Amino acid sequence: MSSAEYIAEVKDKIRPLLQELGLKILPKGASSFSIVKGTQIVMTIRDTGDYVELSYQGKKYQYDKWYTKPQHLAKVVENVLKAPSA
């Protein structure tokens, strides 16, 4: 699966959740996008080839694409966005 296909599938899977939460997708090329609320970037997801990098609250998390399929990453995004803030 190419980087663009992987990212497109993740976007498709999280789009309903983002609408529910009032968030939008801001494309940043074929292999990267940000999730935004208004003008504030909430999260950035970037496909780097063998890995997918998720940036959230100043930290970067890296997931191996062999184990983390698009539906798995979509679930991670959902869990992070729905988690109560500390």
PDB file of N, CA and C in Angstrom:
ATOM      1  N   MET A   1       0.853  -1.176   0.000  1.00  0.00           N
ATOM      2  CA  MET A   1       0.000   0.000   0.000  1.00  0.00           C
ATOM      3  C   MET A   1       0.898   1.238   0.000  1.00  0.00           C
ATOM      4  N   SER A   2       0.620   2.157  -0.912  1.00  0.00           N
ATOM      5  CA  SER A   2       1.430   3.372  -0.996  1.00  0.00           C
ATOM      6  C   SER A   2       1.100   4.319   0.163  1.00  0.00           C
ATOM      7  N   SER A   3       1.974   5.295   0.359  1.00  0.00           N
ATOM      8  CA  SER A   3       1.764   6.287   1.414  1.00  0.00           C
ATOM      9  C   SER A   3       0.449   7.029   1.211  1.00  0.00           C
ATOM     10  N   ALA A   4       0.189   7.430  -0.035  1.00  0.00           N
ATOM     11  CA  ALA A   4      -1.037   8.177  -0.342  1.00  0.00           C
ATOM     12  C   ALA A   4      -2.277   7.326  -0.073  1.00  0.00           C
ATOM     13  N   GLU A   5      -2.225   6.043  -0.422  1.00  0.00           N
ATOM     14  CA  GLU A   5      -3.369   5.145  -0.182  1.00  0.00           C
ATOM     15  C   GLU A   5      -3.600   4.955   1.320  1.00  0.00           C
ATOM     16  N   TYR A   6      -2.528   4.762   2.061  1.00  0.00           N
ATOM     17  CA  TYR A   6      -2.624   4.568   3.510  1.00  0.00           C
ATOM     18  C   TYR A   6      -3.272   5.797   4.154  1.00  0.00           C
ATOM     19  N   ILE A   7      -2.760   6.982   3.818  1.00  0.00           N
ATOM     20  CA  ILE A   7      -3.282   8.230   4.385  1.00  0.00           C
ATOM     21  C   ILE A   7      -4.735   8.438   3.974  1.00  0.00           C
ATOM     22  N   ALA A   8      -5.070   8.169   2.722  1.00  0.00           N
ATOM     23  CA  ALA A   8      -6.454   8.332   2.249  1.00  0.00           C
ATOM     24  C   ALA A   8      -7.403   7.426   3.026  1.00  0.00           C
ATOM     25  N   GLU A   9      -6.976   6.206   3.302  1.00  0.00           N
ATOM     26  CA  GLU A   9      -7.822   5.268   4.046  1.00  0.00           C
ATOM     27  C   GLU A   9      -8.012   5.728   5.499  1.00  0.00           C
ATOM     28  N   VAL A  10      -6.955   6.235   6.109  1.00  0.00           N
ATOM     29  CA  VAL A  10      -7.073   6.748   7.481  1.00  0.00           C
ATOM     30  C   VAL A  10      -8.063   7.916   7.500  1.00  0.00           C
ATOM     31  N   LYS A  11      -7.928   8.833   6.553  1.00  0.00           N
ATOM     32  CA  LYS A  11      -8.844   9.984   6.475  1.00  0.00           C
ATOM     33  C   LYS A  11     -10.291   9.526   6.352  1.00  0.00           C
ATOM     34  N   ASP A  12     -10.539   8.559   5.469  1.00  0.00           N
ATOM     35  CA  ASP A  12     -11.905   8.057   5.260  1.00  0.00           C
ATOM     36  C   ASP A  12     -12.478   7.474   6.547  1.00  0.00           C
ATOM     37  N   LYS A  13     -11.649   6.779   7.307  1.00  0.00           N
ATOM     38  CA  LYS A  13     -12.117   6.113   8.526  1.00  0.00           C
ATOM     39  C   LYS A  13     -12.380   7.090   9.672  1.00  0.00           C
ATOM     40  N   ILE A  14     -11.649   8.207   9.727  1.00  0.00           N
ATOM     41  CA  ILE A  14     -11.829   9.141  10.846  1.00  0.00           C
ATOM     42  C   ILE A  14     -12.755  10.318  10.512  1.00  0.00           C
ATOM     43  N   ARG A  15     -13.106  10.487   9.246  1.00  0.00           N
ATOM     44  CA  ARG A  15     -13.923  11.636   8.843  1.00  0.00           C
ATOM     45  C   ARG A  15     -15.221  11.770   9.647  1.00  0.00           C
ATOM     46  N   PRO A  16     -16.023  10.684   9.847  1.00  0.00           N
ATOM     47  CA  PRO A  16     -17.258  10.831  10.639  1.00  0.00           C
ATOM     48  C   PRO A  16     -16.987  11.286  12.078  1.00  0.00           C
ATOM     49  N   LEU A  17     -15.935  10.772  12.693  1.00  0.00           N
ATOM     50  CA  LEU A  17     -15.579  11.174  14.055  1.00  0.00           C
ATOM     51  C   LEU A  17     -15.228  12.653  14.102  1.00  0.00           C
ATOM     52  N   LEU A  18     -14.462  13.112  13.124  1.00  0.00           N
ATOM     53  CA  LEU A  18     -14.045  14.510  13.104  1.00  0.00           C
ATOM     54  C   LEU A  18     -15.253  15.429  12.963  1.00  0.00           C
ATOM     55  N   GLN A  19     -16.199  15.045  12.121  1.00  0.00           N
ATOM     56  CA  GLN A  19     -17.427  15.847  11.975  1.00  0.00           C
ATOM     57  C   GLN A  19     -18.165  15.928  13.307  1.00  0.00           C
ATOM     58  N   GLU A  20     -18.250  14.806  13.983  1.00  0.00           N
ATOM     59  CA  GLU A  20     -18.924  14.737  15.286  1.00  0.00           C
ATOM     60  C   GLU A  20     -18.261  15.664  16.311  1.00  0.00           C
ATOM     61  N   LEU A  21     -16.930  15.774  16.248  1.00  0.00           N
ATOM     62  CA  LEU A  21     -16.176  16.574  17.211  1.00  0.00           C
ATOM     63  C   LEU A  21     -15.928  18.016  16.753  1.00  0.00           C
ATOM     64  N   GLY A  22     -16.411  18.363  15.558  1.00  0.00           N
ATOM     65  CA  GLY A  22     -16.214  19.720  15.048  1.00  0.00           C
ATOM     66  C   GLY A  22     -14.800  19.991  14.573  1.00  0.00           C
ATOM     67  N   LEU A  23     -14.116  18.948  14.107  1.00  0.00           N
ATOM     68  CA  LEU A  23     -12.743  19.066  13.620  1.00  0.00           C
ATOM     69  C   LEU A  23     -12.724  18.889  12.103  1.00  0.00           C
ATOM     70  N   LYS A  24     -11.645  19.351  11.467  1.00  0.00           N
ATOM     71  CA  LYS A  24     -11.519  19.230  10.012  1.00  0.00           C
ATOM     72  C   LYS A  24     -10.146  18.699   9.645  1.00  0.00           C
ATOM     73  N   ILE A  25     -10.070  18.168   8.427  1.00  0.00           N
ATOM     74  CA  ILE A  25      -8.795  17.671   7.884  1.00  0.00           C
ATOM     75  C   ILE A  25      -8.178  18.769   7.036  1.00  0.00           C
ATOM     76  N   LEU A  26      -6.902  19.051   7.278  1.00  0.00           N
ATOM     77  CA  LEU A  26      -6.143  19.999   6.483  1.00  0.00           C
ATOM     78  C   LEU A  26      -5.048  19.208   5.758  1.00  0.00           C
ATOM     79  N   PRO A  27      -5.234  18.956   4.440  1.00  0.00           N
ATOM     80  CA  PRO A  27      -4.226  18.188   3.710  1.00  0.00           C
ATOM     81  C   PRO A  27      -2.882  18.919   3.663  1.00  0.00           C
ATOM     82  N   LYS A  28      -1.807  18.134   3.750  1.00  0.00           N
ATOM     83  CA  LYS A  28      -0.453  18.695   3.683  1.00  0.00           C
ATOM     84  C   LYS A  28       0.382  17.849   2.734  1.00  0.00           C
ATOM     85  N   GLY A  29      -0.135  17.619   1.530  1.00  0.00           N
ATOM     86  CA  GLY A  29       0.532  16.760   0.566  1.00  0.00           C
ATOM     87  C   GLY A  29      -0.119  15.396   0.541  1.00  0.00           C
ATOM     88  N   ALA A  30       0.385  14.511  -0.305  1.00  0.00           N
ATOM     89  CA  ALA A  30      -0.231  13.194  -0.489  1.00  0.00           C
ATOM     90  C   ALA A  30      -0.038  12.271   0.708  1.00  0.00           C
ATOM     91  N   SER A  31       1.028  12.496   1.494  1.00  0.00           N
ATOM     92  CA  SER A  31       1.335  11.546   2.567  1.00  0.00           C
ATOM     93  C   SER A  31       1.257  12.158   3.966  1.00  0.00           C
ATOM     94  N   SER A  32       0.514  13.257   4.105  1.00  0.00           N
ATOM     95  CA  SER A  32       0.456  13.914   5.400  1.00  0.00           C
ATOM     96  C   SER A  32      -0.795  14.782   5.497  1.00  0.00           C
ATOM     97  N   PHE A  33      -1.330  14.912   6.720  1.00  0.00           N
ATOM     98  CA  PHE A  33      -2.438  15.828   6.955  1.00  0.00           C
ATOM     99  C   PHE A  33      -2.480  16.215   8.426  1.00  0.00           C
ATOM    100  N   SER A  34      -3.161  17.319   8.680  1.00  0.00           N
ATOM    101  CA  SER A  34      -3.361  17.768  10.057  1.00  0.00           C
ATOM    102  C   SER A  34      -4.843  17.743  10.364  1.00  0.00           C
ATOM    103  N   ILE A  35      -5.159  17.550  11.634  1.00  0.00           N
ATOM    104  CA  ILE A  35      -6.520  17.668  12.124  1.00  0.00           C
ATOM    105  C   ILE A  35      -6.564  19.009  12.834  1.00  0.00           C
ATOM    106  N   VAL A  36      -7.514  19.856  12.431  1.00  0.00           N
ATOM    107  CA  VAL A  36      -7.557  21.211  12.965  1.00  0.00           C
ATOM    108  C   VAL A  36      -8.919  21.534  13.566  1.00  0.00           C
ATOM    109  N   LYS A  37      -8.877  22.446  14.534  1.00  0.00           N
ATOM    110  CA  LYS A  37     -10.100  23.014  15.105  1.00  0.00           C
ATOM    111  C   LYS A  37      -9.948  24.519  14.920  1.00  0.00           C
ATOM    112  N   GLY A  38     -10.731  25.077  14.008  1.00  0.00           N
ATOM    113  CA  GLY A  38     -10.552  26.475  13.645  1.00  0.00           C
ATOM    114  C   GLY A  38      -9.211  26.637  12.954  1.00  0.00           C
ATOM    115  N   THR A  39      -8.331  27.450  13.555  1.00  0.00           N
ATOM    116  CA  THR A  39      -6.993  27.636  12.988  1.00  0.00           C
ATOM    117  C   THR A  39      -5.916  26.898  13.792  1.00  0.00           C
ATOM    118  N   GLN A  40      -6.328  26.174  14.819  1.00  0.00           N
ATOM    119  CA  GLN A  40      -5.377  25.471  15.684  1.00  0.00           C
ATOM    120  C   GLN A  40      -5.182  24.026  15.213  1.00  0.00           C
ATOM    121  N   ILE A  41      -3.926  23.620  15.064  1.00  0.00           N
ATOM    122  CA  ILE A  41      -3.613  22.236  14.699  1.00  0.00           C
ATOM    123  C   ILE A  41      -3.699  21.382  15.956  1.00  0.00           C
ATOM    124  N   VAL A  42      -4.544  20.358  15.910  1.00  0.00           N
ATOM    125  CA  VAL A  42      -4.738  19.460  17.043  1.00  0.00           C
ATOM    126  C   VAL A  42      -3.782  18.271  16.937  1.00  0.00           C
ATOM    127  N   MET A  43      -3.638  17.742  15.717  1.00  0.00           N
ATOM    128  CA  MET A  43      -2.835  16.537  15.501  1.00  0.00           C
ATOM    129  C   MET A  43      -2.335  16.533  14.062  1.00  0.00           C
ATOM    130  N   THR A  44      -1.163  15.989  13.845  1.00  0.00           N
ATOM    131  CA  THR A  44      -0.633  15.814  12.494  1.00  0.00           C
ATOM    132  C   THR A  44      -0.279  14.349  12.303  1.00  0.00           C
ATOM    133  N   ILE A  45      -0.638  13.810  11.143  1.00  0.00           N
ATOM    134  CA  ILE A  45      -0.337  12.423  10.806  1.00  0.00           C
ATOM    135  C   ILE A  45       0.459  12.432   9.502  1.00  0.00           C
ATOM    136  N   ARG A  46       1.593  11.724   9.518  1.00  0.00           N
ATOM    137  CA  ARG A  46       2.504  11.738   8.377  1.00  0.00           C
ATOM    138  C   ARG A  46       3.007  10.322   8.105  1.00  0.00           C
ATOM    139  N   ASP A  47       2.917   9.922   6.858  1.00  0.00           N
ATOM    140  CA  ASP A  47       3.421   8.615   6.438  1.00  0.00           C
ATOM    141  C   ASP A  47       4.866   8.805   5.989  1.00  0.00           C
ATOM    142  N   THR A  48       5.797   8.089   6.621  1.00  0.00           N
ATOM    143  CA  THR A  48       7.216   8.241   6.301  1.00  0.00           C
ATOM    144  C   THR A  48       7.783   7.025   5.563  1.00  0.00           C
ATOM    145  N   GLY A  49       6.919   6.189   5.024  1.00  0.00           N
ATOM    146  CA  GLY A  49       7.369   4.995   4.309  1.00  0.00           C
ATOM    147  C   GLY A  49       7.002   3.749   5.083  1.00  0.00           C
ATOM    148  N   ASP A  50       7.916   3.255   5.914  1.00  0.00           N
ATOM    149  CA  ASP A  50       7.643   2.066   6.718  1.00  0.00           C
ATOM    150  C   ASP A  50       6.892   2.396   8.005  1.00  0.00           C
ATOM    151  N   TYR A  51       6.853   3.679   8.353  1.00  0.00           N
ATOM    152  CA  TYR A  51       6.228   4.113   9.599  1.00  0.00           C
ATOM    153  C   TYR A  51       5.210   5.214   9.359  1.00  0.00           C
ATOM    154  N   VAL A  52       4.315   5.363  10.315  1.00  0.00           N
ATOM    155  CA  VAL A  52       3.389   6.491  10.339  1.00  0.00           C
ATOM    156  C   VAL A  52       3.678   7.247  11.618  1.00  0.00           C
ATOM    157  N   GLU A  53       3.799   8.551  11.501  1.00  0.00           N
ATOM    158  CA  GLU A  53       4.141   9.391  12.636  1.00  0.00           C
ATOM    159  C   GLU A  53       2.921  10.234  13.017  1.00  0.00           C
ATOM    160  N   LEU A  54       2.565  10.203  14.274  1.00  0.00           N
ATOM    161  CA  LEU A  54       1.440  10.963  14.794  1.00  0.00           C
ATOM    162  C   LEU A  54       1.995  11.989  15.770  1.00  0.00           C
ATOM    163  N   SER A  55       1.760  13.267  15.518  1.00  0.00           N
ATOM    164  CA  SER A  55       2.216  14.334  16.415  1.00  0.00           C
ATOM    165  C   SER A  55       1.010  14.888  17.148  1.00  0.00           C
ATOM    166  N   TYR A  56       1.108  14.911  18.481  1.00  0.00           N
ATOM    167  CA  TYR A  56      -0.009  15.364  19.313  1.00  0.00           C
ATOM    168  C   TYR A  56       0.538  16.009  20.578  1.00  0.00           C
ATOM    169  N   GLN A  57       0.112  17.222  20.850  1.00  0.00           N
ATOM    170  CA  GLN A  57       0.520  17.978  22.035  1.00  0.00           C
ATOM    171  C   GLN A  57       2.042  18.017  22.209  1.00  0.00           C
ATOM    172  N   GLY A  58       2.744  18.291  21.121  1.00  0.00           N
ATOM    173  CA  GLY A  58       4.191  18.457  21.181  1.00  0.00           C
ATOM    174  C   GLY A  58       4.995  17.173  21.231  1.00  0.00           C
ATOM    175  N   LYS A  59       4.335  16.037  21.164  1.00  0.00           N
ATOM    176  CA  LYS A  59       5.039  14.750  21.190  1.00  0.00           C
ATOM    177  C   LYS A  59       4.787  14.006  19.890  1.00  0.00           C
ATOM    178  N   LYS A  60       5.779  13.188  19.495  1.00  0.00           N
ATOM    179  CA  LYS A  60       5.652  12.385  18.280  1.00  0.00           C
ATOM    180  C   LYS A  60       5.607  10.912  18.653  1.00  0.00           C
ATOM    181  N   TYR A  61       4.680  10.214  18.024  1.00  0.00           N
ATOM    182  CA  TYR A  61       4.526   8.771  18.233  1.00  0.00           C
ATOM    183  C   TYR A  61       4.686   8.113  16.879  1.00  0.00           C
ATOM    184  N   GLN A  62       5.440   7.031  16.835  1.00  0.00           N
ATOM    185  CA  GLN A  62       5.720   6.357  15.579  1.00  0.00           C
ATOM    186  C   GLN A  62       5.127   4.954  15.603  1.00  0.00           C
ATOM    187  N   TYR A  63       4.424   4.597  14.517  1.00  0.00           N
ATOM    188  CA  TYR A  63       3.782   3.299  14.398  1.00  0.00           C
ATOM    189  C   TYR A  63       4.301   2.582  13.160  1.00  0.00           C
ATOM    190  N   ASP A  64       4.657   1.323  13.312  1.00  0.00           N
ATOM    191  CA  ASP A  64       5.115   0.496  12.209  1.00  0.00           C
ATOM    192  C   ASP A  64       3.911   0.113  11.354  1.00  0.00           C
ATOM    193  N   LYS A  65       3.960   0.419  10.066  1.00  0.00           N
ATOM    194  CA  LYS A  65       2.817   0.150   9.183  1.00  0.00           C
ATOM    195  C   LYS A  65       2.566  -1.347   8.985  1.00  0.00           C
ATOM    196  N   TRP A  66       3.543  -2.171   9.238  1.00  0.00           N
ATOM    197  CA  TRP A  66       3.347  -3.617   9.108  1.00  0.00           C
ATOM    198  C   TRP A  66       2.306  -4.093  10.126  1.00  0.00           C
ATOM    199  N   TYR A  67       2.359  -3.523  11.332  1.00  0.00           N
ATOM    200  CA  TYR A  67       1.445  -3.916  12.407  1.00  0.00           C
ATOM    201  C   TYR A  67       0.243  -2.988  12.526  1.00  0.00           C
ATOM    202  N   THR A  68       0.423  -1.735  12.165  1.00  0.00           N
ATOM    203  CA  THR A  68      -0.630  -0.731  12.343  1.00  0.00           C
ATOM    204  C   THR A  68      -1.295  -0.439  11.000  1.00  0.00           C
ATOM    205  N   LYS A  69      -2.365  -1.136  10.725  1.00  0.00           N
ATOM    206  CA  LYS A  69      -3.126  -0.928   9.490  1.00  0.00           C
ATOM    207  C   LYS A  69      -3.936   0.363   9.637  1.00  0.00           C
ATOM    208  N   PRO A  70      -4.450   0.919   8.535  1.00  0.00           N
ATOM    209  CA  PRO A  70      -5.204   2.176   8.620  1.00  0.00           C
ATOM    210  C   PRO A  70      -6.345   2.143   9.638  1.00  0.00           C
ATOM    211  N   GLN A  71      -7.060   1.025   9.728  1.00  0.00           N
ATOM    212  CA  GLN A  71      -8.167   0.948  10.689  1.00  0.00           C
ATOM    213  C   GLN A  71      -7.659   0.980  12.133  1.00  0.00           C
ATOM    214  N   HIS A  72      -6.456   0.451  12.374  1.00  0.00           N
ATOM    215  CA  HIS A  72      -5.876   0.484  13.713  1.00  0.00           C
ATOM    216  C   HIS A  72      -5.456   1.909  14.078  1.00  0.00           C
ATOM    217  N   LEU A  73      -4.827   2.607  13.123  1.00  0.00           N
ATOM    218  CA  LEU A  73      -4.421   3.987  13.390  1.00  0.00           C
ATOM    219  C   LEU A  73      -5.657   4.868  13.586  1.00  0.00           C
ATOM    220  N   ALA A  74      -6.715   4.620  12.830  1.00  0.00           N
ATOM    221  CA  ALA A  74      -7.963   5.382  12.999  1.00  0.00           C
ATOM    222  C   ALA A  74      -8.507   5.204  14.410  1.00  0.00           C
ATOM    223  N   LYS A  75      -8.410   4.010  14.954  1.00  0.00           N
ATOM    224  CA  LYS A  75      -8.873   3.747  16.322  1.00  0.00           C
ATOM    225  C   LYS A  75      -8.002   4.484  17.339  1.00  0.00           C
ATOM    226  N   VAL A  76      -6.697   4.535  17.101  1.00  0.00           N
ATOM    227  CA  VAL A  76      -5.790   5.280  17.976  1.00  0.00           C
ATOM    228  C   VAL A  76      -6.186   6.762  17.970  1.00  0.00           C
ATOM    229  N   VAL A  77      -6.417   7.312  16.780  1.00  0.00           N
ATOM    230  CA  VAL A  77      -6.806   8.718  16.655  1.00  0.00           C
ATOM    231  C   VAL A  77      -8.111   8.952  17.420  1.00  0.00           C
ATOM    232  N   GLU A  78      -9.080   8.059  17.244  1.00  0.00           N
ATOM    233  CA  GLU A  78     -10.360   8.183  17.943  1.00  0.00           C
ATOM    234  C   GLU A  78     -10.151   8.176  19.457  1.00  0.00           C
ATOM    235  N   ASN A  79      -9.381   7.233  19.950  1.00  0.00           N
ATOM    236  CA  ASN A  79      -9.151   7.145  21.400  1.00  0.00           C
ATOM    237  C   ASN A  79      -8.469   8.392  21.948  1.00  0.00           C
ATOM    238  N   VAL A  80      -7.511   8.934  21.211  1.00  0.00           N
ATOM    239  CA  VAL A  80      -6.796  10.135  21.660  1.00  0.00           C
ATOM    240  C   VAL A  80      -7.735  11.334  21.670  1.00  0.00           C
ATOM    241  N   LEU A  81      -8.504  11.503  20.608  1.00  0.00           N
ATOM    242  CA  LEU A  81      -9.376  12.680  20.501  1.00  0.00           C
ATOM    243  C   LEU A  81     -10.558  12.626  21.464  1.00  0.00           C
ATOM    244  N   LYS A  82     -10.987  11.420  21.829  1.00  0.00           N
ATOM    245  CA  LYS A  82     -12.122  11.290  22.744  1.00  0.00           C
ATOM    246  C   LYS A  82     -11.699  11.209  24.219  1.00  0.00           C
ATOM    247  N   ALA A  83     -10.398  11.081  24.470  1.00  0.00           N
ATOM    248  CA  ALA A  83      -9.918  10.971  25.856  1.00  0.00           C
ATOM    249  C   ALA A  83     -10.162  12.296  26.586  1.00  0.00           C
ATOM    250  N   PRO A  84     -10.588  12.212  27.840  1.00  0.00           N
ATOM    251  CA  PRO A  84     -10.775  13.452  28.605  1.00  0.00           C
ATOM    252  C   PRO A  84      -9.444  14.138  28.830  1.00  0.00           C
ATOM    253  N   SER A  85      -9.443  15.431  28.739  1.00  0.00           N
ATOM    254  CA  SER A  85      -8.199  16.206  28.955  1.00  0.00           C
ATOM    255  C   SER A  85      -7.872  16.222  30.440  1.00  0.00           C
ATOM    256  N   ALA A  86      -6.596  16.132  30.730  1.00  0.00           N
ATOM    257  CA  ALA A  86      -6.158  16.132  32.143  1.00  0.00           C
ATOM    258  C   ALA A  86      -6.161  17.531  32.712  1.00  0.00           C
TER     259      ALA A  86
END
